[in-house]
Amino acid sequence: MVRHKSNLFDDIPPELTAELSNRLAFRKGMRIERIVSRGHCSPKGFWYDQGETEWVLLLRGAAMLRFEKDDEIVEMKPGDHITISPRSRHRIEWTTPDEDTVWLAVFY
């Protein structure tokens, strides 16, 4: 059996010009990613429109998501998680600018 130990809070560059995404594990029909934001948000007019379900857990920092359908804002703090259905258009409105916002995302 292959084992690889690492820490979700390690290997985050001191400067992040763009959101950082690392694929941690994958198999057919599923992938797990670590996403790190530091004041990053979706570009004006941009909406994620994914063909898969996304379950995301906020581990550190804070964020606000916006869902297009009902213009709902969802505030996220450490420990909060949300399941986003396929084709549920959403965007990142805000992430903590002065610390890392660390997400664990499972796509299936």
PDB file of N, CA and C in Angstrom:
ATOM      1  N   MET A   1       0.839  -1.177   0.000  1.00  0.00           N
ATOM      2  CA  MET A   1       0.000   0.000   0.000  1.00  0.00           C
ATOM      3  C   MET A   1       0.893   1.253   0.000  1.00  0.00           C
ATOM      4  N   VAL A   2       0.567   2.220  -0.854  1.00  0.00           N
ATOM      5  CA  VAL A   2       1.313   3.467  -0.925  1.00  0.00           C
ATOM      6  C   VAL A   2       0.695   4.462   0.053  1.00  0.00           C
ATOM      7  N   ARG A   3       1.539   5.069   0.861  1.00  0.00           N
ATOM      8  CA  ARG A   3       1.074   6.082   1.815  1.00  0.00           C
ATOM      9  C   ARG A   3       1.845   7.360   1.566  1.00  0.00           C
ATOM     10  N   HIS A   4       1.140   8.463   1.652  1.00  0.00           N
ATOM     11  CA  HIS A   4       1.787   9.760   1.508  1.00  0.00           C
ATOM     12  C   HIS A   4       1.160  10.703   2.516  1.00  0.00           C
ATOM     13  N   LYS A   5       1.944  11.172   3.456  1.00  0.00           N
ATOM     14  CA  LYS A   5       1.449  12.086   4.488  1.00  0.00           C
ATOM     15  C   LYS A   5       1.817  13.513   4.112  1.00  0.00           C
ATOM     16  N   SER A   6       0.862  14.399   4.235  1.00  0.00           N
ATOM     17  CA  SER A   6       1.134  15.820   4.048  1.00  0.00           C
ATOM     18  C   SER A   6       0.136  16.602   4.888  1.00  0.00           C
ATOM     19  N   ASN A   7       0.296  17.914   4.912  1.00  0.00           N
ATOM     20  CA  ASN A   7      -0.558  18.770   5.726  1.00  0.00           C
ATOM     21  C   ASN A   7      -1.198  19.819   4.827  1.00  0.00           C
ATOM     22  N   LEU A   8      -2.502  20.003   4.944  1.00  0.00           N
ATOM     23  CA  LEU A   8      -3.230  20.946   4.088  1.00  0.00           C
ATOM     24  C   LEU A   8      -2.765  22.391   4.258  1.00  0.00           C
ATOM     25  N   PHE A   9      -2.129  22.698   5.376  1.00  0.00           N
ATOM     26  CA  PHE A   9      -1.692  24.067   5.637  1.00  0.00           C
ATOM     27  C   PHE A   9      -0.234  24.314   5.263  1.00  0.00           C
ATOM     28  N   ASP A  10       0.458  23.288   4.775  1.00  0.00           N
ATOM     29  CA  ASP A  10       1.851  23.426   4.345  1.00  0.00           C
ATOM     30  C   ASP A  10       1.932  23.808   2.873  1.00  0.00           C
ATOM     31  N   ASP A  11       3.100  24.260   2.482  1.00  0.00           N
ATOM     32  CA  ASP A  11       3.437  24.543   1.079  1.00  0.00           C
ATOM     33  C   ASP A  11       2.512  25.584   0.442  1.00  0.00           C
ATOM     34  N   ILE A  12       2.153  26.601   1.210  1.00  0.00           N
ATOM     35  CA  ILE A  12       1.381  27.717   0.668  1.00  0.00           C
ATOM     36  C   ILE A  12       2.379  28.849   0.424  1.00  0.00           C
ATOM     37  N   PRO A  13       2.517  29.290  -0.814  1.00  0.00           N
ATOM     38  CA  PRO A  13       3.495  30.342  -1.110  1.00  0.00           C
ATOM     39  C   PRO A  13       3.185  31.639  -0.356  1.00  0.00           C
ATOM     40  N   PRO A  14       4.227  32.386   0.007  1.00  0.00           N
ATOM     41  CA  PRO A  14       4.004  33.649   0.714  1.00  0.00           C
ATOM     42  C   PRO A  14       3.262  34.676  -0.147  1.00  0.00           C
ATOM     43  N   GLU A  15       3.443  34.618  -1.454  1.00  0.00           N
ATOM     44  CA  GLU A  15       2.742  35.507  -2.384  1.00  0.00           C
ATOM     45  C   GLU A  15       1.802  34.673  -3.244  1.00  0.00           C
ATOM     46  N   LEU A  16       0.536  35.072  -3.294  1.00  0.00           N
ATOM     47  CA  LEU A  16      -0.448  34.383  -4.138  1.00  0.00           C
ATOM     48  C   LEU A  16      -1.045  35.413  -5.097  1.00  0.00           C
ATOM     49  N   THR A  17      -0.579  35.416  -6.326  1.00  0.00           N
ATOM     50  CA  THR A  17      -1.142  36.347  -7.303  1.00  0.00           C
ATOM     51  C   THR A  17      -2.482  35.843  -7.831  1.00  0.00           C
ATOM     52  N   ALA A  18      -2.686  34.542  -7.719  1.00  0.00           N
ATOM     53  CA  ALA A  18      -3.956  33.924  -8.131  1.00  0.00           C
ATOM     54  C   ALA A  18      -4.309  32.857  -7.104  1.00  0.00           C
ATOM     55  N   GLU A  19      -5.577  32.468  -7.092  1.00  0.00           N
ATOM     56  CA  GLU A  19      -6.012  31.398  -6.206  1.00  0.00           C
ATOM     57  C   GLU A  19      -5.200  30.146  -6.522  1.00  0.00           C
ATOM     58  N   LEU A  20      -4.862  29.394  -5.485  1.00  0.00           N
ATOM     59  CA  LEU A  20      -4.057  28.186  -5.626  1.00  0.00           C
ATOM     60  C   LEU A  20      -4.950  26.963  -5.497  1.00  0.00           C
ATOM     61  N   SER A  21      -4.817  26.021  -6.411  1.00  0.00           N
ATOM     62  CA  SER A  21      -5.596  24.790  -6.360  1.00  0.00           C
ATOM     63  C   SER A  21      -4.657  23.603  -6.546  1.00  0.00           C
ATOM     64  N   ASN A  22      -4.733  22.641  -5.626  1.00  0.00           N
ATOM     65  CA  ASN A  22      -3.921  21.433  -5.701  1.00  0.00           C
ATOM     66  C   ASN A  22      -4.827  20.211  -5.661  1.00  0.00           C
ATOM     67  N   ARG A  23      -4.665  19.322  -6.632  1.00  0.00           N
ATOM     68  CA  ARG A  23      -5.421  18.069  -6.620  1.00  0.00           C
ATOM     69  C   ARG A  23      -4.736  17.123  -5.644  1.00  0.00           C
ATOM     70  N   LEU A  24      -5.474  16.671  -4.647  1.00  0.00           N
ATOM     71  CA  LEU A  24      -4.933  15.807  -3.603  1.00  0.00           C
ATOM     72  C   LEU A  24      -5.166  14.335  -3.894  1.00  0.00           C
ATOM     73  N   ALA A  25      -6.316  14.016  -4.487  1.00  0.00           N
ATOM     74  CA  ALA A  25      -6.659  12.627  -4.788  1.00  0.00           C
ATOM     75  C   ALA A  25      -7.697  12.630  -5.902  1.00  0.00           C
ATOM     76  N   PHE A  26      -7.713  11.558  -6.667  1.00  0.00           N
ATOM     77  CA  PHE A  26      -8.713  11.436  -7.720  1.00  0.00           C
ATOM     78  C   PHE A  26      -8.886   9.985  -8.118  1.00  0.00           C
ATOM     79  N   ARG A  27     -10.024   9.744  -8.673  1.00  0.00           N
ATOM     80  CA  ARG A  27     -10.337   8.470  -9.310  1.00  0.00           C
ATOM     81  C   ARG A  27     -11.485   8.761 -10.260  1.00  0.00           C
ATOM     82  N   LYS A  28     -11.863   7.829 -11.050  1.00  0.00           N
ATOM     83  CA  LYS A  28     -12.917   8.059 -12.020  1.00  0.00           C
ATOM     84  C   LYS A  28     -14.171   8.593 -11.326  1.00  0.00           C
ATOM     85  N   GLY A  29     -14.631   9.750 -11.765  1.00  0.00           N
ATOM     86  CA  GLY A  29     -15.854  10.336 -11.239  1.00  0.00           C
ATOM     87  C   GLY A  29     -15.714  11.097  -9.931  1.00  0.00           C
ATOM     88  N   MET A  30     -14.462  11.276  -9.419  1.00  0.00           N
ATOM     89  CA  MET A  30     -14.288  11.975  -8.145  1.00  0.00           C
ATOM     90  C   MET A  30     -12.890  12.573  -8.074  1.00  0.00           C
ATOM     91  N   ARG A  31     -12.812  13.791  -7.516  1.00  0.00           N
ATOM     92  CA  ARG A  31     -11.507  14.367  -7.221  1.00  0.00           C
ATOM     93  C   ARG A  31     -11.612  15.225  -5.960  1.00  0.00           C
ATOM     94  N   ILE A  32     -10.494  15.322  -5.246  1.00  0.00           N
ATOM     95  CA  ILE A  32     -10.412  16.121  -4.027  1.00  0.00           C
ATOM     96  C   ILE A  32      -9.327  17.164  -4.237  1.00  0.00           C
ATOM     97  N   GLU A  33      -9.656  18.423  -3.928  1.00  0.00           N
ATOM     98  CA  GLU A  33      -8.706  19.514  -4.124  1.00  0.00           C
ATOM     99  C   GLU A  33      -8.581  20.356  -2.864  1.00  0.00           C
ATOM    100  N   ARG A  34      -7.389  20.894  -2.667  1.00  0.00           N
ATOM    101  CA  ARG A  34      -7.183  21.963  -1.692  1.00  0.00           C
ATOM    102  C   ARG A  34      -7.160  23.255  -2.498  1.00  0.00           C
ATOM    103  N   ILE A  35      -7.935  24.226  -2.050  1.00  0.00           N
ATOM    104  CA  ILE A  35      -7.973  25.528  -2.697  1.00  0.00           C
ATOM    105  C   ILE A  35      -7.583  26.567  -1.652  1.00  0.00           C
ATOM    106  N   VAL A  36      -6.682  27.469  -2.025  1.00  0.00           N
ATOM    107  CA  VAL A  36      -6.244  28.529  -1.122  1.00  0.00           C
ATOM    108  C   VAL A  36      -6.514  29.867  -1.789  1.00  0.00           C
ATOM    109  N   SER A  37      -7.239  30.716  -1.078  1.00  0.00           N
ATOM    110  CA  SER A  37      -7.539  32.071  -1.535  1.00  0.00           C
ATOM    111  C   SER A  37      -6.964  33.042  -0.504  1.00  0.00           C
ATOM    112  N   ARG A  38      -6.547  34.195  -0.969  1.00  0.00           N
ATOM    113  CA  ARG A  38      -6.083  35.243  -0.056  1.00  0.00           C
ATOM    114  C   ARG A  38      -6.572  36.574  -0.615  1.00  0.00           C
ATOM    115  N   GLY A  39      -7.848  36.848  -0.330  1.00  0.00           N
ATOM    116  CA  GLY A  39      -8.451  38.050  -0.882  1.00  0.00           C
ATOM    117  C   GLY A  39      -8.934  37.877  -2.313  1.00  0.00           C
ATOM    118  N   HIS A  40      -8.853  36.662  -2.841  1.00  0.00           N
ATOM    119  CA  HIS A  40      -9.286  36.416  -4.220  1.00  0.00           C
ATOM    120  C   HIS A  40     -10.800  36.284  -4.290  1.00  0.00           C
ATOM    121  N   CYS A  41     -11.354  36.673  -5.407  1.00  0.00           N
ATOM    122  CA  CYS A  41     -12.777  36.503  -5.662  1.00  0.00           C
ATOM    123  C   CYS A  41     -12.963  36.262  -7.159  1.00  0.00           C
ATOM    124  N   SER A  42     -14.172  35.882  -7.537  1.00  0.00           N
ATOM    125  CA  SER A  42     -14.453  35.637  -8.953  1.00  0.00           C
ATOM    126  C   SER A  42     -14.421  36.952  -9.719  1.00  0.00           C
ATOM    127  N   PRO A  43     -13.930  36.932 -10.953  1.00  0.00           N
ATOM    128  CA  PRO A  43     -13.935  38.148 -11.764  1.00  0.00           C
ATOM    129  C   PRO A  43     -15.366  38.645 -11.998  1.00  0.00           C
ATOM    130  N   LYS A  44     -15.507  39.924 -12.171  1.00  0.00           N
ATOM    131  CA  LYS A  44     -16.820  40.519 -12.423  1.00  0.00           C
ATOM    132  C   LYS A  44     -17.496  39.814 -13.601  1.00  0.00           C
ATOM    133  N   GLY A  45     -18.744  39.394 -13.390  1.00  0.00           N
ATOM    134  CA  GLY A  45     -19.514  38.733 -14.440  1.00  0.00           C
ATOM    135  C   GLY A  45     -19.260  37.239 -14.593  1.00  0.00           C
ATOM    136  N   PHE A  46     -18.275  36.690 -13.859  1.00  0.00           N
ATOM    137  CA  PHE A  46     -17.941  35.268 -13.980  1.00  0.00           C
ATOM    138  C   PHE A  46     -18.777  34.444 -13.012  1.00  0.00           C
ATOM    139  N   TRP A  47     -19.280  33.304 -13.496  1.00  0.00           N
ATOM    140  CA  TRP A  47     -20.026  32.346 -12.665  1.00  0.00           C
ATOM    141  C   TRP A  47     -19.462  30.947 -12.906  1.00  0.00           C
ATOM    142  N   TYR A  48     -19.198  30.217 -11.824  1.00  0.00           N
ATOM    143  CA  TYR A  48     -18.890  28.792 -11.958  1.00  0.00           C
ATOM    144  C   TYR A  48     -20.181  28.106 -12.378  1.00  0.00           C
ATOM    145  N   ASP A  49     -20.074  27.210 -13.352  1.00  0.00           N
ATOM    146  CA  ASP A  49     -21.237  26.481 -13.865  1.00  0.00           C
ATOM    147  C   ASP A  49     -20.774  25.057 -14.148  1.00  0.00           C
ATOM    148  N   GLN A  50     -20.579  24.306 -13.091  1.00  0.00           N
ATOM    149  CA  GLN A  50     -19.956  22.990 -13.159  1.00  0.00           C
ATOM    150  C   GLN A  50     -20.973  21.897 -13.450  1.00  0.00           C
ATOM    151  N   GLY A  51     -20.519  20.888 -14.161  1.00  0.00           N
ATOM    152  CA  GLY A  51     -21.363  19.751 -14.486  1.00  0.00           C
ATOM    153  C   GLY A  51     -21.320  18.645 -13.452  1.00  0.00           C
ATOM    154  N   GLU A  52     -20.724  18.910 -12.313  1.00  0.00           N
ATOM    155  CA  GLU A  52     -20.597  17.905 -11.262  1.00  0.00           C
ATOM    156  C   GLU A  52     -20.998  18.520  -9.924  1.00  0.00           C
ATOM    157  N   THR A  53     -21.276  17.670  -8.951  1.00  0.00           N
ATOM    158  CA  THR A  53     -21.569  18.127  -7.600  1.00  0.00           C
ATOM    159  C   THR A  53     -20.250  18.524  -6.941  1.00  0.00           C
ATOM    160  N   GLU A  54     -20.291  19.589  -6.140  1.00  0.00           N
ATOM    161  CA  GLU A  54     -19.120  20.012  -5.369  1.00  0.00           C
ATOM    162  C   GLU A  54     -19.524  20.112  -3.903  1.00  0.00           C
ATOM    163  N   TRP A  55     -18.807  19.382  -3.060  1.00  0.00           N
ATOM    164  CA  TRP A  55     -18.950  19.540  -1.615  1.00  0.00           C
ATOM    165  C   TRP A  55     -17.697  20.261  -1.162  1.00  0.00           C
ATOM    166  N   VAL A  56     -17.875  21.379  -0.455  1.00  0.00           N
ATOM    167  CA  VAL A  56     -16.712  22.165  -0.052  1.00  0.00           C
ATOM    168  C   VAL A  56     -16.788  22.486   1.442  1.00  0.00           C
ATOM    169  N   LEU A  57     -15.640  22.344   2.106  1.00  0.00           N
ATOM    170  CA  LEU A  57     -15.492  22.603   3.535  1.00  0.00           C
ATOM    171  C   LEU A  57     -14.487  23.738   3.697  1.00  0.00           C
ATOM    172  N   LEU A  58     -14.860  24.754   4.454  1.00  0.00           N
ATOM    173  CA  LEU A  58     -13.941  25.847   4.730  1.00  0.00           C
ATOM    174  C   LEU A  58     -13.170  25.509   6.002  1.00  0.00           C
ATOM    175  N   LEU A  59     -11.842  25.435   5.883  1.00  0.00           N
ATOM    176  CA  LEU A  59     -10.994  25.026   6.997  1.00  0.00           C
ATOM    177  C   LEU A  59     -10.383  26.206   7.748  1.00  0.00           C
ATOM    178  N   ARG A  60     -10.107  27.284   7.031  1.00  0.00           N
ATOM    179  CA  ARG A  60      -9.436  28.448   7.632  1.00  0.00           C
ATOM    180  C   ARG A  60      -9.848  29.686   6.854  1.00  0.00           C
ATOM    181  N   GLY A  61      -9.908  30.825   7.532  1.00  0.00           N
ATOM    182  CA  GLY A  61     -10.272  32.073   6.871  1.00  0.00           C
ATOM    183  C   GLY A  61     -11.781  32.255   6.861  1.00  0.00           C
ATOM    184  N   ALA A  62     -12.249  33.022   5.890  1.00  0.00           N
ATOM    185  CA  ALA A  62     -13.686  33.273   5.737  1.00  0.00           C
ATOM    186  C   ALA A  62     -13.954  33.604   4.275  1.00  0.00           C
ATOM    187  N   ALA A  63     -15.219  33.443   3.873  1.00  0.00           N
ATOM    188  CA  ALA A  63     -15.577  33.682   2.477  1.00  0.00           C
ATOM    189  C   ALA A  63     -17.069  33.981   2.361  1.00  0.00           C
ATOM    190  N   MET A  64     -17.435  34.539   1.230  1.00  0.00           N
ATOM    191  CA  MET A  64     -18.843  34.728   0.875  1.00  0.00           C
ATOM    192  C   MET A  64     -19.045  34.194  -0.537  1.00  0.00           C
ATOM    193  N   LEU A  65     -20.037  33.323  -0.677  1.00  0.00           N
ATOM    194  CA  LEU A  65     -20.436  32.780  -1.977  1.00  0.00           C
ATOM    195  C   LEU A  65     -21.732  33.458  -2.392  1.00  0.00           C
ATOM    196  N   ARG A  66     -21.934  33.616  -3.687  1.00  0.00           N
ATOM    197  CA  ARG A  66     -23.201  34.134  -4.209  1.00  0.00           C
ATOM    198  C   ARG A  66     -23.730  33.115  -5.222  1.00  0.00           C
ATOM    199  N   PHE A  67     -25.035  32.821  -5.108  1.00  0.00           N
ATOM    200  CA  PHE A  67     -25.701  31.919  -6.038  1.00  0.00           C
ATOM    201  C   PHE A  67     -26.600  32.735  -6.944  1.00  0.00           C
ATOM    202  N   GLU A  68     -26.464  32.514  -8.239  1.00  0.00           N
ATOM    203  CA  GLU A  68     -27.160  33.337  -9.230  1.00  0.00           C
ATOM    204  C   GLU A  68     -28.673  33.185  -9.170  1.00  0.00           C
ATOM    205  N   LYS A  69     -29.174  31.970  -9.013  1.00  0.00           N
ATOM    206  CA  LYS A  69     -30.604  31.699  -9.148  1.00  0.00           C
ATOM    207  C   LYS A  69     -31.477  32.618  -8.291  1.00  0.00           C
ATOM    208  N   ASP A  70     -31.137  32.750  -7.017  1.00  0.00           N
ATOM    209  CA  ASP A  70     -31.956  33.590  -6.131  1.00  0.00           C
ATOM    210  C   ASP A  70     -31.144  34.722  -5.518  1.00  0.00           C
ATOM    211  N   ASP A  71     -29.957  34.983  -6.084  1.00  0.00           N
ATOM    212  CA  ASP A  71     -29.051  36.030  -5.612  1.00  0.00           C
ATOM    213  C   ASP A  71     -28.744  35.859  -4.127  1.00  0.00           C
ATOM    214  N   GLU A  72     -28.667  34.607  -3.673  1.00  0.00           N
ATOM    215  CA  GLU A  72     -28.405  34.309  -2.265  1.00  0.00           C
ATOM    216  C   GLU A  72     -26.916  34.437  -1.959  1.00  0.00           C
ATOM    217  N   ILE A  73     -26.615  35.081  -0.834  1.00  0.00           N
ATOM    218  CA  ILE A  73     -25.244  35.175  -0.324  1.00  0.00           C
ATOM    219  C   ILE A  73     -25.112  34.169   0.827  1.00  0.00           C
ATOM    220  N   VAL A  74     -24.056  33.365   0.781  1.00  0.00           N
ATOM    221  CA  VAL A  74     -23.778  32.396   1.839  1.00  0.00           C
ATOM    222  C   VAL A  74     -22.431  32.754   2.450  1.00  0.00           C
ATOM    223  N   GLU A  75     -22.443  33.098   3.730  1.00  0.00           N
ATOM    224  CA  GLU A  75     -21.211  33.392   4.443  1.00  0.00           C
ATOM    225  C   GLU A  75     -20.632  32.090   4.977  1.00  0.00           C
ATOM    226  N   MET A  76     -19.321  31.939   4.828  1.00  0.00           N
ATOM    227  CA  MET A  76     -18.632  30.724   5.249  1.00  0.00           C
ATOM    228  C   MET A  76     -17.557  31.085   6.271  1.00  0.00           C
ATOM    229  N   LYS A  77     -17.499  30.276   7.344  1.00  0.00           N
ATOM    230  CA  LYS A  77     -16.455  30.420   8.357  1.00  0.00           C
ATOM    231  C   LYS A  77     -15.880  29.026   8.609  1.00  0.00           C
ATOM    232  N   PRO A  78     -14.749  28.921   9.303  1.00  0.00           N
ATOM    233  CA  PRO A  78     -14.143  27.608   9.521  1.00  0.00           C
ATOM    234  C   PRO A  78     -15.141  26.586  10.085  1.00  0.00           C
ATOM    235  N   GLY A  79     -15.143  25.431   9.452  1.00  0.00           N
ATOM    236  CA  GLY A  79     -16.046  24.347   9.843  1.00  0.00           C
ATOM    237  C   GLY A  79     -17.305  24.282   9.007  1.00  0.00           C
ATOM    238  N   ASP A  80     -17.657  25.380   8.326  1.00  0.00           N
ATOM    239  CA  ASP A  80     -18.852  25.376   7.469  1.00  0.00           C
ATOM    240  C   ASP A  80     -18.587  24.573   6.205  1.00  0.00           C
ATOM    241  N   HIS A  81     -19.595  23.834   5.774  1.00  0.00           N
ATOM    242  CA  HIS A  81     -19.493  23.113   4.504  1.00  0.00           C
ATOM    243  C   HIS A  81     -20.819  23.239   3.774  1.00  0.00           C
ATOM    244  N   ILE A  82     -20.741  23.083   2.460  1.00  0.00           N
ATOM    245  CA  ILE A  82     -21.916  23.253   1.616  1.00  0.00           C
ATOM    246  C   ILE A  82     -21.807  22.299   0.433  1.00  0.00           C
ATOM    247  N   THR A  83     -22.943  21.794  -0.012  1.00  0.00           N
ATOM    248  CA  THR A  83     -23.001  20.977  -1.217  1.00  0.00           C
ATOM    249  C   THR A  83     -23.614  21.829  -2.325  1.00  0.00           C
ATOM    250  N   ILE A  84     -22.901  21.920  -3.438  1.00  0.00           N
ATOM    251  CA  ILE A  84     -23.340  22.725  -4.571  1.00  0.00           C
ATOM    252  C   ILE A  84     -23.724  21.768  -5.695  1.00  0.00           C
ATOM    253  N   SER A  85     -24.984  21.808  -6.081  1.00  0.00           N
ATOM    254  CA  SER A  85     -25.498  20.913  -7.115  1.00  0.00           C
ATOM    255  C   SER A  85     -24.924  21.267  -8.485  1.00  0.00           C
ATOM    256  N   PRO A  86     -24.879  20.276  -9.382  1.00  0.00           N
ATOM    257  CA  PRO A  86     -24.435  20.567 -10.743  1.00  0.00           C
ATOM    258  C   PRO A  86     -25.287  21.676 -11.371  1.00  0.00           C
ATOM    259  N   ARG A  87     -24.647  22.508 -12.172  1.00  0.00           N
ATOM    260  CA  ARG A  87     -25.276  23.609 -12.904  1.00  0.00           C
ATOM    261  C   ARG A  87     -25.828  24.700 -11.993  1.00  0.00           C
ATOM    262  N   SER A  88     -25.468  24.675 -10.709  1.00  0.00           N
ATOM    263  CA  SER A  88     -25.878  25.723  -9.781  1.00  0.00           C
ATOM    264  C   SER A  88     -24.845  26.854  -9.883  1.00  0.00           C
ATOM    265  N   ARG A  89     -25.173  27.835 -10.701  1.00  0.00           N
ATOM    266  CA  ARG A  89     -24.212  28.909 -10.979  1.00  0.00           C
ATOM    267  C   ARG A  89     -23.930  29.700  -9.702  1.00  0.00           C
ATOM    268  N   HIS A  90     -22.631  29.822  -9.417  1.00  0.00           N
ATOM    269  CA  HIS A  90     -22.196  30.482  -8.191  1.00  0.00           C
ATOM    270  C   HIS A  90     -20.864  31.176  -8.431  1.00  0.00           C
ATOM    271  N   ARG A  91     -20.525  32.060  -7.510  1.00  0.00           N
ATOM    272  CA  ARG A  91     -19.268  32.777  -7.609  1.00  0.00           C
ATOM    273  C   ARG A  91     -18.730  33.048  -6.210  1.00  0.00           C
ATOM    274  N   ILE A  92     -17.453  33.346  -6.127  1.00  0.00           N
ATOM    275  CA  ILE A  92     -16.828  33.743  -4.867  1.00  0.00           C
ATOM    276  C   ILE A  92     -16.872  35.267  -4.829  1.00  0.00           C
ATOM    277  N   GLU A  93     -17.616  35.805  -3.883  1.00  0.00           N
ATOM    278  CA  GLU A  93     -17.752  37.258  -3.752  1.00  0.00           C
ATOM    279  C   GLU A  93     -16.592  37.864  -2.977  1.00  0.00           C
ATOM    280  N   TRP A  94     -16.069  37.128  -1.986  1.00  0.00           N
ATOM    281  CA  TRP A  94     -15.065  37.698  -1.096  1.00  0.00           C
ATOM    282  C   TRP A  94     -14.371  36.583  -0.333  1.00  0.00           C
ATOM    283  N   THR A  95     -13.080  36.741  -0.123  1.00  0.00           N
ATOM    284  CA  THR A  95     -12.341  35.892   0.814  1.00  0.00           C
ATOM    285  C   THR A  95     -11.465  36.798   1.675  1.00  0.00           C
ATOM    286  N   THR A  96     -11.107  36.319   2.840  1.00  0.00           N
ATOM    287  CA  THR A  96     -10.318  37.092   3.787  1.00  0.00           C
ATOM    288  C   THR A  96      -9.043  37.615   3.108  1.00  0.00           C
ATOM    289  N   PRO A  97      -8.834  38.928   3.110  1.00  0.00           N
ATOM    290  CA  PRO A  97      -7.672  39.482   2.411  1.00  0.00           C
ATOM    291  C   PRO A  97      -6.355  39.374   3.177  1.00  0.00           C
ATOM    292  N   ASP A  98      -6.405  39.253   4.492  1.00  0.00           N
ATOM    293  CA  ASP A  98      -5.182  39.303   5.281  1.00  0.00           C
ATOM    294  C   ASP A  98      -4.765  37.951   5.865  1.00  0.00           C
ATOM    295  N   GLU A  99      -5.414  36.889   5.441  1.00  0.00           N
ATOM    296  CA  GLU A  99      -5.014  35.538   5.846  1.00  0.00           C
ATOM    297  C   GLU A  99      -5.474  34.554   4.776  1.00  0.00           C
ATOM    298  N   ASP A 100      -4.916  33.368   4.822  1.00  0.00           N
ATOM    299  CA  ASP A 100      -5.303  32.344   3.853  1.00  0.00           C
ATOM    300  C   ASP A 100      -6.703  31.822   4.155  1.00  0.00           C
ATOM    301  N   THR A 101      -7.511  31.713   3.114  1.00  0.00           N
ATOM    302  CA  THR A 101      -8.776  30.992   3.193  1.00  0.00           C
ATOM    303  C   THR A 101      -8.505  29.638   2.548  1.00  0.00           C
ATOM    304  N   VAL A 102      -8.610  28.585   3.343  1.00  0.00           N
ATOM    305  CA  VAL A 102      -8.257  27.245   2.879  1.00  0.00           C
ATOM    306  C   VAL A 102      -9.523  26.414   2.792  1.00  0.00           C
ATOM    307  N   TRP A 103      -9.770  25.882   1.608  1.00  0.00           N
ATOM    308  CA  TRP A 103     -10.942  25.068   1.310  1.00  0.00           C
ATOM    309  C   TRP A 103     -10.525  23.639   1.025  1.00  0.00           C
ATOM    310  N   LEU A 104     -11.367  22.690   1.355  1.00  0.00           N
ATOM    311  CA  LEU A 104     -11.226  21.309   0.910  1.00  0.00           C
ATOM    312  C   LEU A 104     -12.456  21.026   0.064  1.00  0.00           C
ATOM    313  N   ALA A 105     -12.251  20.727  -1.215  1.00  0.00           N
ATOM    314  CA  ALA A 105     -13.364  20.530  -2.142  1.00  0.00           C
ATOM    315  C   ALA A 105     -13.362  19.111  -2.687  1.00  0.00           C
ATOM    316  N   VAL A 106     -14.530  18.502  -2.695  1.00  0.00           N
ATOM    317  CA  VAL A 106     -14.717  17.173  -3.275  1.00  0.00           C
ATOM    318  C   VAL A 106     -15.683  17.321  -4.433  1.00  0.00           C
ATOM    319  N   PHE A 107     -15.235  16.929  -5.618  1.00  0.00           N
ATOM    320  CA  PHE A 107     -16.060  16.994  -6.824  1.00  0.00           C
ATOM    321  C   PHE A 107     -16.445  15.577  -7.217  1.00  0.00           C
ATOM    322  N   TYR A 108     -17.737  15.367  -7.472  1.00  0.00           N
ATOM    323  CA  TYR A 108     -18.184  14.023  -7.874  1.00  0.00           C
ATOM    324  C   TYR A 108     -19.405  14.125  -8.757  1.00  0.00           C
TER     325      TYR A 108
END
